[in-house]
Amino acid sequence: MHDEGLTVKVKKLYPDSKLPERSTEGSTGFDLFAYIREEEKITIIEERPKLVGTGIAIEIPRGYDAQIRPRSGLSTKGVAVPLGTVDSDYRGELKVTMYTVGSHNSFEIKHEDRIAQLVITRLAGLSLEETEQLSLTERGTKGFGSTDPSF
């Protein structure tokens, strides 16, 4: 289902930037591609987080945001991409934080490699209200792992 009449404007910051695209018709997110300006068009990802540019900026309609999410293919190779949020009033280059985990010491990213997914979401029209009391539930204050029977 698409929101009719709504578009996300995408600006190439460099002539050879690659626009986000969906890999399949059923894809939730748009693939984001690395834009590496260095002459060799390669960057090395290591344990220390590194920002990798995409060479694009976007204009998200008010009432929406964009999430930068990891690609499962990179995750299986030991490359982590933490969730990032892009607000509707941000107009700078989209950059992806990347680093390696586990026994993976480094990973090579080439210019135009798919590095993350861009997922556009509608925001709930909610507000926060301070209160002295919250309603009671069966779960209550039981936290992480509380619904797992092995705990």
Protein backbone atom coordinates (compact mmCIF):
# COMPACT_ATOMS: atom_id res chain seq x y z
CA MET A 1 0.00 0.00 0.00
CA HIS A 2 1.38 3.41 -0.97
CA ASP A 3 0.42 6.83 0.31
CA GLU A 4 -1.01 8.42 -2.82
CA GLY A 5 0.44 11.78 -3.81
CA LEU A 6 3.37 11.61 -1.41
CA THR A 7 6.90 11.56 -2.69
CA VAL A 8 10.33 11.75 -1.15
CA LYS A 9 12.57 14.12 -3.07
CA VAL A 10 16.11 12.82 -3.57
CA LYS A 11 18.99 15.09 -4.50
CA LYS A 12 22.23 13.75 -5.97
CA LEU A 13 25.08 15.61 -4.30
CA TYR A 14 27.52 14.42 -6.98
CA PRO A 15 26.84 13.61 -10.64
CA ASP A 16 27.80 9.95 -10.18
CA SER A 17 25.77 9.38 -6.99
CA LYS A 18 23.37 6.45 -7.21
CA LEU A 19 19.73 6.94 -6.25
CA PRO A 20 18.16 4.57 -3.70
CA GLU A 21 16.21 1.71 -5.23
CA ARG A 22 14.07 -1.23 -4.20
CA SER A 23 15.61 -4.62 -5.00
CA THR A 24 12.23 -6.30 -5.45
CA GLU A 25 8.61 -5.18 -5.71
CA GLY A 26 7.96 -6.46 -2.18
CA SER A 27 11.00 -4.82 -0.57
CA THR A 28 10.19 -2.67 2.43
CA GLY A 29 13.29 -0.53 2.11
CA PHE A 30 15.25 1.22 -0.58
CA ASP A 31 18.88 0.13 -0.93
CA LEU A 32 21.40 2.83 -0.11
CA PHE A 33 24.68 2.82 -2.03
CA ALA A 34 28.14 3.83 -0.85
CA TYR A 35 29.56 7.01 -2.33
CA ILE A 36 33.29 6.96 -1.82
CA ARG A 37 35.13 10.04 -3.04
CA GLU A 38 38.65 8.73 -2.57
CA GLU A 39 40.51 8.04 -5.80
CA GLU A 40 40.64 4.29 -5.20
CA LYS A 41 36.84 4.19 -4.60
CA ILE A 42 37.28 1.76 -1.67
CA THR A 43 37.01 2.20 2.08
CA ILE A 44 37.87 -0.28 4.80
CA ILE A 45 35.39 -0.89 7.62
CA GLU A 46 36.91 -1.99 10.94
CA GLU A 47 35.83 -2.33 14.58
CA ARG A 48 35.82 1.42 15.11
CA PRO A 49 32.59 2.97 13.71
CA LYS A 50 33.02 4.79 10.40
CA LEU A 51 30.61 7.05 8.52
CA VAL A 52 30.15 6.08 4.88
CA GLY A 53 28.50 8.66 2.65
CA THR A 54 25.75 7.92 0.14
CA GLY A 55 26.15 11.01 -2.06
CA ILE A 56 22.46 11.89 -1.68
CA ALA A 57 20.20 14.07 0.44
CA ILE A 58 16.45 13.62 0.84
CA GLU A 59 13.36 15.65 1.65
CA ILE A 60 10.90 13.62 3.68
CA PRO A 61 7.32 14.91 3.96
CA ARG A 62 6.25 16.21 7.38
CA GLY A 63 4.64 13.48 9.43
CA TYR A 64 7.16 10.90 8.21
CA ASP A 65 10.69 9.89 9.03
CA ALA A 66 13.27 7.65 7.45
CA GLN A 67 15.17 4.89 9.16
CA ILE A 68 18.55 3.68 8.02
CA ARG A 69 18.61 -0.04 8.71
CA PRO A 70 21.18 -2.79 8.24
CA ARG A 71 21.19 -5.14 5.28
CA SER A 72 20.99 -8.79 6.31
CA GLY A 73 23.60 -9.75 3.69
CA LEU A 74 26.21 -7.52 5.31
CA SER A 75 25.22 -8.61 8.81
CA THR A 76 26.05 -12.22 7.96
CA LYS A 77 29.54 -11.05 6.94
CA GLY A 78 30.17 -9.40 10.32
CA VAL A 79 29.37 -5.84 9.25
CA ALA A 80 27.10 -3.93 11.63
CA VAL A 81 24.94 -0.94 10.74
CA PRO A 82 23.11 0.51 13.74
CA LEU A 83 19.61 1.88 13.25
CA GLY A 84 19.62 5.57 12.36
CA THR A 85 16.79 8.07 12.13
CA VAL A 86 16.49 10.80 9.52
CA ASP A 87 14.05 13.54 10.53
CA SER A 88 11.85 15.35 8.01
CA ASP A 89 13.74 18.63 8.45
CA TYR A 90 17.23 17.22 7.77
CA ARG A 91 18.68 18.15 4.38
CA GLY A 92 22.30 16.97 4.63
CA GLU A 93 23.97 13.96 3.08
CA LEU A 94 22.72 10.61 4.30
CA LYS A 95 25.59 8.78 5.97
CA VAL A 96 25.67 5.26 7.29
CA THR A 97 27.55 4.25 10.44
CA MET A 98 29.34 0.96 9.83
CA TYR A 99 31.73 -1.26 11.78
CA THR A 100 32.80 -4.90 12.02
CA VAL A 101 31.92 -7.25 14.87
CA GLY A 102 33.10 -10.60 16.17
CA SER A 103 36.10 -12.21 14.55
CA HIS A 104 35.86 -9.98 11.47
CA ASN A 105 38.75 -7.53 11.63
CA SER A 106 37.96 -5.56 8.49
CA PHE A 107 35.65 -5.45 5.49
CA GLU A 108 36.10 -3.67 2.17
CA ILE A 109 33.34 -1.39 0.89
CA LYS A 110 33.51 -0.31 -2.74
CA HIS A 111 31.93 2.70 -4.40
CA GLU A 112 28.24 1.93 -5.18
CA ASP A 113 28.09 -1.16 -2.91
CA ARG A 114 24.70 -1.59 -1.23
CA ILE A 115 25.40 -0.68 2.40
CA ALA A 116 22.04 -0.18 4.13
CA GLN A 117 18.31 0.15 3.64
CA LEU A 118 16.21 3.30 3.81
CA VAL A 119 12.73 2.69 5.22
CA ILE A 120 10.17 5.51 5.27
CA THR A 121 7.63 5.39 8.10
CA ARG A 122 4.56 7.41 9.00
CA LEU A 123 4.71 8.96 12.44
CA ALA A 124 1.94 8.42 14.94
CA GLY A 125 0.17 11.64 15.89
CA LEU A 126 0.85 11.25 19.61
CA SER A 127 1.84 13.51 22.44
CA LEU A 128 3.41 12.73 25.79
CA GLU A 129 1.67 13.49 29.06
CA GLU A 130 3.31 13.34 32.47
CA THR A 131 1.43 11.24 35.01
CA GLU A 132 1.85 9.98 38.56
CA GLN A 133 0.28 6.58 37.86
CA LEU A 134 0.32 4.08 34.96
CA SER A 135 -2.36 1.45 34.36
CA LEU A 136 -1.67 -2.07 35.62
CA THR A 137 -0.99 -4.97 33.23
CA GLU A 138 -0.33 -8.68 33.66
CA ARG A 139 3.31 -8.19 32.63
CA GLY A 140 3.86 -5.18 34.87
CA THR A 141 7.52 -4.27 35.26
CA LYS A 142 8.94 -7.59 34.04
CA GLY A 143 11.59 -6.68 31.46
CA PHE A 144 14.04 -8.27 29.06
CA GLY A 145 13.49 -11.99 28.61
CA SER A 146 10.47 -12.09 30.92
CA THR A 147 8.27 -13.75 28.28
CA ASP A 148 10.91 -16.39 27.45
CA PRO A 149 10.08 -19.62 29.37
CA SER A 150 13.77 -20.60 29.55
CA PHE A 151 14.53 -17.69 31.95
